[in-house]
Amino acid sequence: RVWSIISTITYLGSIVAFIVAGFLADKVFNPLLEVNGQLAGT
């Protein structure tokens, strides 16, 4: 029972993390790391 609760919480967190990471990668971090992006020089 304990492992099932831990797994449920973990998998729910993973789903949220995948959604948030995809959005952040495409809309925030990729533009910053384009050739002339704000983080390109650092």
PDB file of all heavy atoms in Angstrom:
ATOM      1  N   ARG A   1       0.830  -1.215   0.000  1.00  0.00           N
ATOM      2  CA  ARG A   1       0.000   0.000   0.000  1.00  0.00           C
ATOM      3  C   ARG A   1       0.862   1.261   0.000  1.00  0.00           C
ATOM      4  O   ARG A   1       0.573   2.221  -0.710  1.00  0.00           O
ATOM      5  CB  ARG A   1      -0.917   0.006   1.219  1.00  0.00           C
ATOM      6  CG  ARG A   1      -2.005  -1.045   1.125  1.00  0.00           C
ATOM      7  CD  ARG A   1      -2.837  -1.022   2.375  1.00  0.00           C
ATOM      8  NE  ARG A   1      -2.799  -2.404   2.875  1.00  0.00           N
ATOM      9  CZ  ARG A   1      -3.158  -2.772   4.065  1.00  0.00           C
ATOM     10  NH1 ARG A   1      -3.587  -1.881   4.930  1.00  0.00           N
ATOM     11  NH2 ARG A   1      -3.111  -4.031   4.411  1.00  0.00           N
ATOM     12  N   VAL A   2       1.910   1.232   0.807  1.00  0.00           N
ATOM     13  CA  VAL A   2       2.797   2.399   0.887  1.00  0.00           C
ATOM     14  C   VAL A   2       3.475   2.634  -0.460  1.00  0.00           C
ATOM     15  O   VAL A   2       3.527   3.769  -0.949  1.00  0.00           O
ATOM     16  CB  VAL A   2       3.838   2.221   2.012  1.00  0.00           C
ATOM     17  CG1 VAL A   2       4.894   3.305   1.960  1.00  0.00           C
ATOM     18  CG2 VAL A   2       3.157   2.192   3.363  1.00  0.00           C
ATOM     19  N   TRP A   3       3.977   1.568  -1.073  1.00  0.00           N
ATOM     20  CA  TRP A   3       4.646   1.725  -2.361  1.00  0.00           C
ATOM     21  C   TRP A   3       3.669   2.189  -3.435  1.00  0.00           C
ATOM     22  O   TRP A   3       4.038   2.954  -4.335  1.00  0.00           O
ATOM     23  CB  TRP A   3       5.331   0.436  -2.800  1.00  0.00           C
ATOM     24  CG  TRP A   3       6.601   0.184  -2.038  1.00  0.00           C
ATOM     25  CD1 TRP A   3       6.851  -0.825  -1.164  1.00  0.00           C
ATOM     26  CD2 TRP A   3       7.777   0.993  -2.040  1.00  0.00           C
ATOM     27  NE1 TRP A   3       8.112  -0.692  -0.638  1.00  0.00           N
ATOM     28  CE2 TRP A   3       8.701   0.416  -1.163  1.00  0.00           C
ATOM     29  CE3 TRP A   3       8.137   2.161  -2.705  1.00  0.00           C
ATOM     30  CZ2 TRP A   3       9.961   0.945  -0.944  1.00  0.00           C
ATOM     31  CZ3 TRP A   3       9.393   2.690  -2.474  1.00  0.00           C
ATOM     32  CH2 TRP A   3      10.291   2.081  -1.603  1.00  0.00           C
ATOM     33  N   SER A   4       2.414   1.765  -3.362  1.00  0.00           N
ATOM     34  CA  SER A   4       1.447   2.221  -4.360  1.00  0.00           C
ATOM     35  C   SER A   4       1.168   3.719  -4.207  1.00  0.00           C
ATOM     36  O   SER A   4       1.037   4.431  -5.208  1.00  0.00           O
ATOM     37  CB  SER A   4       0.151   1.421  -4.288  1.00  0.00           C
ATOM     38  OG  SER A   4      -0.549   1.689  -3.095  1.00  0.00           O
ATOM     39  N   ILE A   5       1.105   4.193  -2.977  1.00  0.00           N
ATOM     40  CA  ILE A   5       0.907   5.633  -2.750  1.00  0.00           C
ATOM     41  C   ILE A   5       2.124   6.414  -3.244  1.00  0.00           C
ATOM     42  O   ILE A   5       1.983   7.438  -3.926  1.00  0.00           O
ATOM     43  CB  ILE A   5       0.639   5.920  -1.262  1.00  0.00           C
ATOM     44  CG1 ILE A   5      -0.720   5.357  -0.856  1.00  0.00           C
ATOM     45  CG2 ILE A   5       0.709   7.419  -0.975  1.00  0.00           C
ATOM     46  CD1 ILE A   5      -0.961   5.353   0.630  1.00  0.00           C
ATOM     47  N   ILE A   6       3.316   5.930  -2.913  1.00  0.00           N
ATOM     48  CA  ILE A   6       4.543   6.598  -3.356  1.00  0.00           C
ATOM     49  C   ILE A   6       4.611   6.616  -4.886  1.00  0.00           C
ATOM     50  O   ILE A   6       4.937   7.639  -5.497  1.00  0.00           O
ATOM     51  CB  ILE A   6       5.783   5.919  -2.749  1.00  0.00           C
ATOM     52  CG1 ILE A   6       5.844   6.190  -1.252  1.00  0.00           C
ATOM     53  CG2 ILE A   6       7.063   6.385  -3.442  1.00  0.00           C
ATOM     54  CD1 ILE A   6       6.900   5.404  -0.524  1.00  0.00           C
ATOM     55  N   SER A   7       4.270   5.489  -5.527  1.00  0.00           N
ATOM     56  CA  SER A   7       4.305   5.419  -6.985  1.00  0.00           C
ATOM     57  C   SER A   7       3.302   6.366  -7.610  1.00  0.00           C
ATOM     58  O   SER A   7       3.600   7.038  -8.601  1.00  0.00           O
ATOM     59  CB  SER A   7       4.030   3.988  -7.456  1.00  0.00           C
ATOM     60  OG  SER A   7       5.057   3.140  -7.036  1.00  0.00           O
ATOM     61  N   THR A   8       2.107   6.440  -7.039  1.00  0.00           N
ATOM     62  CA  THR A   8       1.088   7.347  -7.568  1.00  0.00           C
ATOM     63  C   THR A   8       1.563   8.796  -7.508  1.00  0.00           C
ATOM     64  O   THR A   8       1.464   9.542  -8.494  1.00  0.00           O
ATOM     65  CB  THR A   8      -0.225   7.194  -6.788  1.00  0.00           C
ATOM     66  OG1 THR A   8      -0.678   5.836  -6.898  1.00  0.00           O
ATOM     67  CG2 THR A   8      -1.286   8.140  -7.312  1.00  0.00           C
ATOM     68  N   ILE A   9       2.086   9.183  -6.368  1.00  0.00           N
ATOM     69  CA  ILE A   9       2.579  10.559  -6.212  1.00  0.00           C
ATOM     70  C   ILE A   9       3.739  10.814  -7.169  1.00  0.00           C
ATOM     71  O   ILE A   9       3.813  11.865  -7.813  1.00  0.00           O
ATOM     72  CB  ILE A   9       2.989  10.825  -4.751  1.00  0.00           C
ATOM     73  CG1 ILE A   9       1.750  10.786  -3.855  1.00  0.00           C
ATOM     74  CG2 ILE A   9       3.724  12.150  -4.612  1.00  0.00           C
ATOM     75  CD1 ILE A   9       2.048  10.753  -2.371  1.00  0.00           C
ATOM     76  N   THR A  10       4.639   9.847  -7.291  1.00  0.00           N
ATOM     77  CA  THR A  10       5.789   9.997  -8.176  1.00  0.00           C
ATOM     78  C   THR A  10       5.353  10.140  -9.627  1.00  0.00           C
ATOM     79  O   THR A  10       5.843  11.021 -10.349  1.00  0.00           O
ATOM     80  CB  THR A  10       6.740   8.789  -8.033  1.00  0.00           C
ATOM     81  OG1 THR A  10       7.169   8.705  -6.677  1.00  0.00           O
ATOM     82  CG2 THR A  10       7.944   8.911  -8.936  1.00  0.00           C
ATOM     83  N   TYR A  11       4.443   9.278 -10.068  1.00  0.00           N
ATOM     84  CA  TYR A  11       3.998   9.344 -11.462  1.00  0.00           C
ATOM     85  C   TYR A  11       3.214  10.621 -11.747  1.00  0.00           C
ATOM     86  O   TYR A  11       3.333  11.184 -12.836  1.00  0.00           O
ATOM     87  CB  TYR A  11       3.200   8.109 -11.847  1.00  0.00           C
ATOM     88  CG  TYR A  11       4.060   6.868 -11.918  1.00  0.00           C
ATOM     89  CD1 TYR A  11       3.690   5.700 -11.274  1.00  0.00           C
ATOM     90  CD2 TYR A  11       5.270   6.863 -12.611  1.00  0.00           C
ATOM     91  CE1 TYR A  11       4.487   4.575 -11.327  1.00  0.00           C
ATOM     92  CE2 TYR A  11       6.071   5.744 -12.664  1.00  0.00           C
ATOM     93  CZ  TYR A  11       5.675   4.600 -12.028  1.00  0.00           C
ATOM     94  OH  TYR A  11       6.464   3.485 -12.079  1.00  0.00           O
ATOM     95  N   LEU A  12       2.421  11.091 -10.804  1.00  0.00           N
ATOM     96  CA  LEU A  12       1.719  12.354 -10.999  1.00  0.00           C
ATOM     97  C   LEU A  12       2.723  13.501 -11.123  1.00  0.00           C
ATOM     98  O   LEU A  12       2.574  14.386 -11.964  1.00  0.00           O
ATOM     99  CB  LEU A  12       0.741  12.619  -9.854  1.00  0.00           C
ATOM    100  CG  LEU A  12      -0.517  11.760  -9.839  1.00  0.00           C
ATOM    101  CD1 LEU A  12      -1.316  12.020  -8.557  1.00  0.00           C
ATOM    102  CD2 LEU A  12      -1.370  12.015 -11.059  1.00  0.00           C
ATOM    103  N   GLY A  13       3.746  13.469 -10.268  1.00  0.00           N
ATOM    104  CA  GLY A  13       4.794  14.472 -10.359  1.00  0.00           C
ATOM    105  C   GLY A  13       5.541  14.399 -11.683  1.00  0.00           C
ATOM    106  O   GLY A  13       5.900  15.431 -12.260  1.00  0.00           O
ATOM    107  N   SER A  14       5.761  13.193 -12.185  1.00  0.00           N
ATOM    108  CA  SER A  14       6.448  13.030 -13.472  1.00  0.00           C
ATOM    109  C   SER A  14       5.632  13.619 -14.611  1.00  0.00           C
ATOM    110  O   SER A  14       6.183  14.265 -15.506  1.00  0.00           O
ATOM    111  CB  SER A  14       6.720  11.550 -13.748  1.00  0.00           C
ATOM    112  OG  SER A  14       7.619  11.037 -12.812  1.00  0.00           O
ATOM    113  N   ILE A  15       4.322  13.386 -14.590  1.00  0.00           N
ATOM    114  CA  ILE A  15       3.457  13.933 -15.640  1.00  0.00           C
ATOM    115  C   ILE A  15       3.526  15.458 -15.637  1.00  0.00           C
ATOM    116  O   ILE A  15       3.690  16.085 -16.688  1.00  0.00           O
ATOM    117  CB  ILE A  15       2.007  13.433 -15.456  1.00  0.00           C
ATOM    118  CG1 ILE A  15       1.947  11.938 -15.737  1.00  0.00           C
ATOM    119  CG2 ILE A  15       1.047  14.197 -16.355  1.00  0.00           C
ATOM    120  CD1 ILE A  15       0.645  11.285 -15.325  1.00  0.00           C
ATOM    121  N   VAL A  16       3.415  16.046 -14.470  1.00  0.00           N
ATOM    122  CA  VAL A  16       3.507  17.509 -14.366  1.00  0.00           C
ATOM    123  C   VAL A  16       4.883  17.978 -14.828  1.00  0.00           C
ATOM    124  O   VAL A  16       5.002  18.969 -15.566  1.00  0.00           O
ATOM    125  CB  VAL A  16       3.212  17.974 -12.922  1.00  0.00           C
ATOM    126  CG1 VAL A  16       3.505  19.449 -12.749  1.00  0.00           C
ATOM    127  CG2 VAL A  16       1.775  17.658 -12.539  1.00  0.00           C
ATOM    128  N   ALA A  17       5.926  17.266 -14.425  1.00  0.00           N
ATOM    129  CA  ALA A  17       7.286  17.653 -14.809  1.00  0.00           C
ATOM    130  C   ALA A  17       7.477  17.586 -16.321  1.00  0.00           C
ATOM    131  O   ALA A  17       8.109  18.480 -16.905  1.00  0.00           O
ATOM    132  CB  ALA A  17       8.305  16.750 -14.110  1.00  0.00           C
ATOM    133  N   PHE A  18       6.931  16.566 -16.978  1.00  0.00           N
ATOM    134  CA  PHE A  18       7.061  16.464 -18.435  1.00  0.00           C
ATOM    135  C   PHE A  18       6.366  17.622 -19.130  1.00  0.00           C
ATOM    136  O   PHE A  18       6.891  18.186 -20.086  1.00  0.00           O
ATOM    137  CB  PHE A  18       6.491  15.144 -18.944  1.00  0.00           C
ATOM    138  CG  PHE A  18       7.271  13.930 -18.537  1.00  0.00           C
ATOM    139  CD1 PHE A  18       6.634  12.732 -18.293  1.00  0.00           C
ATOM    140  CD2 PHE A  18       8.656  13.977 -18.388  1.00  0.00           C
ATOM    141  CE1 PHE A  18       7.344  11.609 -17.915  1.00  0.00           C
ATOM    142  CE2 PHE A  18       9.379  12.855 -18.021  1.00  0.00           C
ATOM    143  CZ  PHE A  18       8.716  11.665 -17.788  1.00  0.00           C
ATOM    144  N   ILE A  19       5.188  17.966 -18.657  1.00  0.00           N
ATOM    145  CA  ILE A  19       4.444  19.078 -19.262  1.00  0.00           C
ATOM    146  C   ILE A  19       5.190  20.389 -19.054  1.00  0.00           C
ATOM    147  O   ILE A  19       5.390  21.164 -19.995  1.00  0.00           O
ATOM    148  CB  ILE A  19       3.015  19.152 -18.675  1.00  0.00           C
ATOM    149  CG1 ILE A  19       2.221  17.920 -19.111  1.00  0.00           C
ATOM    150  CG2 ILE A  19       2.314  20.427 -19.111  1.00  0.00           C
ATOM    151  CD1 ILE A  19       0.903  17.747 -18.380  1.00  0.00           C
ATOM    152  N   VAL A  20       5.606  20.643 -17.836  1.00  0.00           N
ATOM    153  CA  VAL A  20       6.295  21.895 -17.527  1.00  0.00           C
ATOM    154  C   VAL A  20       7.645  21.961 -18.238  1.00  0.00           C
ATOM    155  O   VAL A  20       8.013  23.007 -18.790  1.00  0.00           O
ATOM    156  CB  VAL A  20       6.465  22.065 -15.995  1.00  0.00           C
ATOM    157  CG1 VAL A  20       7.354  23.238 -15.653  1.00  0.00           C
ATOM    158  CG2 VAL A  20       5.099  22.223 -15.342  1.00  0.00           C
ATOM    159  N   ALA A  21       8.390  20.853 -18.252  1.00  0.00           N
ATOM    160  CA  ALA A  21       9.712  20.846 -18.890  1.00  0.00           C
ATOM    161  C   ALA A  21       9.586  21.092 -20.388  1.00  0.00           C
ATOM    162  O   ALA A  21      10.400  21.840 -20.964  1.00  0.00           O
ATOM    163  CB  ALA A  21      10.423  19.528 -18.629  1.00  0.00           C
ATOM    164  N   GLY A  22       8.603  20.493 -21.022  1.00  0.00           N
ATOM    165  CA  GLY A  22       8.411  20.721 -22.458  1.00  0.00           C
ATOM    166  C   GLY A  22       8.113  22.173 -22.764  1.00  0.00           C
ATOM    167  O   GLY A  22       8.682  22.762 -23.691  1.00  0.00           O
ATOM    168  N   PHE A  23       7.222  22.752 -21.985  1.00  0.00           N
ATOM    169  CA  PHE A  23       6.885  24.166 -22.168  1.00  0.00           C
ATOM    170  C   PHE A  23       8.108  25.051 -21.932  1.00  0.00           C
ATOM    171  O   PHE A  23       8.410  25.936 -22.736  1.00  0.00           O
ATOM    172  CB  PHE A  23       5.748  24.575 -21.226  1.00  0.00           C
ATOM    173  CG  PHE A  23       5.456  26.044 -21.258  1.00  0.00           C
ATOM    174  CD1 PHE A  23       4.715  26.597 -22.277  1.00  0.00           C
ATOM    175  CD2 PHE A  23       5.961  26.876 -20.265  1.00  0.00           C
ATOM    176  CE1 PHE A  23       4.465  27.960 -22.319  1.00  0.00           C
ATOM    177  CE2 PHE A  23       5.719  28.241 -20.288  1.00  0.00           C
ATOM    178  CZ  PHE A  23       4.969  28.787 -21.322  1.00  0.00           C
ATOM    179  N   LEU A  24       8.796  24.818 -20.815  1.00  0.00           N
ATOM    180  CA  LEU A  24       9.975  25.635 -20.498  1.00  0.00           C
ATOM    181  C   LEU A  24      11.063  25.495 -21.561  1.00  0.00           C
ATOM    182  O   LEU A  24      11.694  26.487 -21.938  1.00  0.00           O
ATOM    183  CB  LEU A  24      10.531  25.266 -19.129  1.00  0.00           C
ATOM    184  CG  LEU A  24       9.729  25.723 -17.915  1.00  0.00           C
ATOM    185  CD1 LEU A  24      10.337  25.166 -16.639  1.00  0.00           C
ATOM    186  CD2 LEU A  24       9.652  27.230 -17.852  1.00  0.00           C
ATOM    187  N   ALA A  25      11.286  24.278 -22.025  1.00  0.00           N
ATOM    188  CA  ALA A  25      12.324  24.072 -23.038  1.00  0.00           C
ATOM    189  C   ALA A  25      11.980  24.800 -24.328  1.00  0.00           C
ATOM    190  O   ALA A  25      12.823  25.509 -24.893  1.00  0.00           O
ATOM    191  CB  ALA A  25      12.508  22.580 -23.296  1.00  0.00           C
ATOM    192  N   ASP A  26      10.731  24.640 -24.795  1.00  0.00           N
ATOM    193  CA  ASP A  26      10.351  25.229 -26.079  1.00  0.00           C
ATOM    194  C   ASP A  26      10.144  26.734 -26.029  1.00  0.00           C
ATOM    195  O   ASP A  26      10.505  27.441 -26.960  1.00  0.00           O
ATOM    196  CB  ASP A  26       9.066  24.571 -26.600  1.00  0.00           C
ATOM    197  CG  ASP A  26       9.286  23.133 -27.010  1.00  0.00           C
ATOM    198  OD1 ASP A  26      10.446  22.746 -27.229  1.00  0.00           O
ATOM    199  OD2 ASP A  26       8.285  22.388 -27.118  1.00  0.00           O
ATOM    200  N   LYS A  27       9.554  27.234 -24.966  1.00  0.00           N
ATOM    201  CA  LYS A  27       9.135  28.637 -24.935  1.00  0.00           C
ATOM    202  C   LYS A  27      10.083  29.561 -24.155  1.00  0.00           C
ATOM    203  O   LYS A  27      10.048  30.758 -24.354  1.00  0.00           O
ATOM    204  CB  LYS A  27       7.732  28.760 -24.333  1.00  0.00           C
ATOM    205  CG  LYS A  27       6.685  27.946 -25.044  1.00  0.00           C
ATOM    206  CD  LYS A  27       6.475  28.448 -26.451  1.00  0.00           C
ATOM    207  CE  LYS A  27       5.379  27.630 -27.124  1.00  0.00           C
ATOM    208  NZ  LYS A  27       5.275  27.860 -28.526  1.00  0.00           N
ATOM    209  N   VAL A  28      10.897  29.000 -23.273  1.00  0.00           N
ATOM    210  CA  VAL A  28      11.757  29.850 -22.446  1.00  0.00           C
ATOM    211  C   VAL A  28      13.238  29.607 -22.745  1.00  0.00           C
ATOM    212  O   VAL A  28      13.957  30.522 -23.168  1.00  0.00           O
ATOM    213  CB  VAL A  28      11.469  29.629 -20.934  1.00  0.00           C
ATOM    214  CG1 VAL A  28      12.407  30.465 -20.087  1.00  0.00           C
ATOM    215  CG2 VAL A  28      10.015  29.951 -20.613  1.00  0.00           C
ATOM    216  N   PHE A  29      13.717  28.382 -22.542  1.00  0.00           N
ATOM    217  CA  PHE A  29      15.155  28.134 -22.610  1.00  0.00           C
ATOM    218  C   PHE A  29      15.705  28.024 -24.030  1.00  0.00           C
ATOM    219  O   PHE A  29      16.817  28.483 -24.291  1.00  0.00           O
ATOM    220  CB  PHE A  29      15.520  26.899 -21.788  1.00  0.00           C
ATOM    221  CG  PHE A  29      15.366  27.118 -20.311  1.00  0.00           C
ATOM    222  CD1 PHE A  29      14.283  26.613 -19.617  1.00  0.00           C
ATOM    223  CD2 PHE A  29      16.291  27.864 -19.612  1.00  0.00           C
ATOM    224  CE1 PHE A  29      14.127  26.829 -18.261  1.00  0.00           C
ATOM    225  CE2 PHE A  29      16.155  28.091 -18.254  1.00  0.00           C
ATOM    226  CZ  PHE A  29      15.063  27.571 -17.581  1.00  0.00           C
ATOM    227  N   ASN A  30      14.964  27.405 -24.949  1.00  0.00           N
ATOM    228  CA  ASN A  30      15.456  27.351 -26.332  1.00  0.00           C
ATOM    229  C   ASN A  30      15.644  28.744 -26.930  1.00  0.00           C
ATOM    230  O   ASN A  30      16.690  29.005 -27.538  1.00  0.00           O
ATOM    231  CB  ASN A  30      14.538  26.506 -27.221  1.00  0.00           C
ATOM    232  CG  ASN A  30      14.910  25.036 -27.188  1.00  0.00           C
ATOM    233  OD1 ASN A  30      16.005  24.660 -26.787  1.00  0.00           O
ATOM    234  ND2 ASN A  30      13.986  24.198 -27.607  1.00  0.00           N
ATOM    235  N   PRO A  31      14.667  29.660 -26.781  1.00  0.00           N
ATOM    236  CA  PRO A  31      14.914  31.017 -27.311  1.00  0.00           C
ATOM    237  C   PRO A  31      16.117  31.709 -26.662  1.00  0.00           C
ATOM    238  O   PRO A  31      16.826  32.470 -27.329  1.00  0.00           O
ATOM    239  CB  PRO A  31      13.612  31.766 -26.978  1.00  0.00           C
ATOM    240  CG  PRO A  31      12.571  30.711 -26.899  1.00  0.00           C
ATOM    241  CD  PRO A  31      13.278  29.509 -26.340  1.00  0.00           C
ATOM    242  N   LEU A  32      16.360  31.446 -25.399  1.00  0.00           N
ATOM    243  CA  LEU A  32      17.512  32.052 -24.733  1.00  0.00           C
ATOM    244  C   LEU A  32      18.833  31.513 -25.269  1.00  0.00           C
ATOM    245  O   LEU A  32      19.861  32.187 -25.224  1.00  0.00           O
ATOM    246  CB  LEU A  32      17.437  31.820 -23.227  1.00  0.00           C
ATOM    247  CG  LEU A  32      16.322  32.531 -22.468  1.00  0.00           C
ATOM    248  CD1 LEU A  32      16.279  32.061 -21.021  1.00  0.00           C
ATOM    249  CD2 LEU A  32      16.504  34.040 -22.544  1.00  0.00           C
ATOM    250  N   LEU A  33      18.797  30.275 -25.780  1.00  0.00           N
ATOM    251  CA  LEU A  33      20.024  29.631 -26.247  1.00  0.00           C
ATOM    252  C   LEU A  33      20.082  29.515 -27.764  1.00  0.00           C
ATOM    253  O   LEU A  33      20.768  28.651 -28.302  1.00  0.00           O
ATOM    254  CB  LEU A  33      20.172  28.253 -25.596  1.00  0.00           C
ATOM    255  CG  LEU A  33      20.533  28.308 -24.118  1.00  0.00           C
ATOM    256  CD1 LEU A  33      20.339  26.962 -23.452  1.00  0.00           C
ATOM    257  CD2 LEU A  33      21.947  28.805 -23.931  1.00  0.00           C
ATOM    258  N   GLU A  34      19.344  30.382 -28.471  1.00  0.00           N
ATOM    259  CA  GLU A  34      19.505  30.464 -29.912  1.00  0.00           C
ATOM    260  C   GLU A  34      20.818  31.184 -30.210  1.00  0.00           C
ATOM    261  O   GLU A  34      21.458  31.730 -29.310  1.00  0.00           O
ATOM    262  CB  GLU A  34      18.322  31.207 -30.535  1.00  0.00           C
ATOM    263  CG  GLU A  34      17.047  30.399 -30.492  1.00  0.00           C
ATOM    264  CD  GLU A  34      15.843  31.162 -31.040  1.00  0.00           C
ATOM    265  OE1 GLU A  34      15.978  32.370 -31.317  1.00  0.00           O
ATOM    266  OE2 GLU A  34      14.784  30.538 -31.177  1.00  0.00           O
ATOM    267  N   VAL A  35      21.192  31.220 -31.473  1.00  0.00           N
ATOM    268  CA  VAL A  35      22.485  31.804 -31.854  1.00  0.00           C
ATOM    269  C   VAL A  35      22.651  33.221 -31.310  1.00  0.00           C
ATOM    270  O   VAL A  35      23.700  33.570 -30.787  1.00  0.00           O
ATOM    271  CB  VAL A  35      22.652  31.778 -33.392  1.00  0.00           C
ATOM    272  CG1 VAL A  35      23.938  32.478 -33.797  1.00  0.00           C
ATOM    273  CG2 VAL A  35      22.640  30.349 -33.893  1.00  0.00           C
ATOM    274  N   ASN A  36      21.632  34.034 -31.367  1.00  0.00           N
ATOM    275  CA  ASN A  36      21.728  35.399 -30.849  1.00  0.00           C
ATOM    276  C   ASN A  36      20.894  35.579 -29.581  1.00  0.00           C
ATOM    277  O   ASN A  36      20.508  36.701 -29.245  1.00  0.00           O
ATOM    278  CB  ASN A  36      21.275  36.406 -31.912  1.00  0.00           C
ATOM    279  CG  ASN A  36      22.231  36.442 -33.086  1.00  0.00           C
ATOM    280  OD1 ASN A  36      23.438  36.366 -32.910  1.00  0.00           O
ATOM    281  ND2 ASN A  36      21.692  36.524 -34.286  1.00  0.00           N
ATOM    282  N   GLY A  37      20.635  34.505 -28.858  1.00  0.00           N
ATOM    283  CA  GLY A  37      19.833  34.575 -27.639  1.00  0.00           C
ATOM    284  C   GLY A  37      20.585  35.231 -26.493  1.00  0.00           C
ATOM    285  O   GLY A  37      21.805  35.432 -26.544  1.00  0.00           O
ATOM    286  N   GLN A  38      19.832  35.531 -25.439  1.00  0.00           N
ATOM    287  CA  GLN A  38      20.424  36.235 -24.291  1.00  0.00           C
ATOM    288  C   GLN A  38      21.480  35.422 -23.554  1.00  0.00           C
ATOM    289  O   GLN A  38      22.367  35.986 -22.922  1.00  0.00           O
ATOM    290  CB  GLN A  38      19.318  36.657 -23.327  1.00  0.00           C
ATOM    291  CG  GLN A  38      18.437  37.745 -23.878  1.00  0.00           C
ATOM    292  CD  GLN A  38      17.321  38.114 -22.916  1.00  0.00           C
ATOM    293  OE1 GLN A  38      16.864  37.287 -22.132  1.00  0.00           O
ATOM    294  NE2 GLN A  38      16.884  39.363 -22.977  1.00  0.00           N
ATOM    295  N   LEU A  39      21.380  34.109 -23.592  1.00  0.00           N
ATOM    296  CA  LEU A  39      22.369  33.271 -22.892  1.00  0.00           C
ATOM    297  C   LEU A  39      23.424  32.678 -23.834  1.00  0.00           C
ATOM    298  O   LEU A  39      24.255  31.882 -23.405  1.00  0.00           O
ATOM    299  CB  LEU A  39      21.660  32.138 -22.140  1.00  0.00           C
ATOM    300  CG  LEU A  39      20.717  32.553 -21.020  1.00  0.00           C
ATOM    301  CD1 LEU A  39      20.068  31.327 -20.385  1.00  0.00           C
ATOM    302  CD2 LEU A  39      21.450  33.361 -19.960  1.00  0.00           C
ATOM    303  N   ALA A  40      23.382  33.051 -25.096  1.00  0.00           N
ATOM    304  CA  ALA A  40      24.323  32.487 -26.070  1.00  0.00           C
ATOM    305  C   ALA A  40      25.775  32.814 -25.726  1.00  0.00           C
ATOM    306  O   ALA A  40      26.660  31.982 -25.905  1.00  0.00           O
ATOM    307  CB  ALA A  40      23.986  32.983 -27.469  1.00  0.00           C
ATOM    308  N   GLY A  41      26.012  34.001 -25.213  1.00  0.00           N
ATOM    309  CA  GLY A  41      27.376  34.408 -24.903  1.00  0.00           C
ATOM    310  C   GLY A  41      27.897  33.907 -23.574  1.00  0.00           C
ATOM    311  O   GLY A  41      29.096  33.960 -23.314  1.00  0.00           O
ATOM    312  N   THR A  42      27.015  33.407 -22.711  1.00  0.00           N
ATOM    313  CA  THR A  42      27.445  32.928 -21.387  1.00  0.00           C
ATOM    314  C   THR A  42      27.301  31.415 -21.313  1.00  0.00           C
ATOM    315  O   THR A  42      28.261  30.691 -21.539  1.00  0.00           O
ATOM    316  CB  THR A  42      26.622  33.617 -20.280  1.00  0.00           C
ATOM    317  OG1 THR A  42      25.231  33.413 -20.519  1.00  0.00           O
ATOM    318  CG2 THR A  42      26.898  35.111 -20.234  1.00  0.00           C
TER     319      THR A  42
END
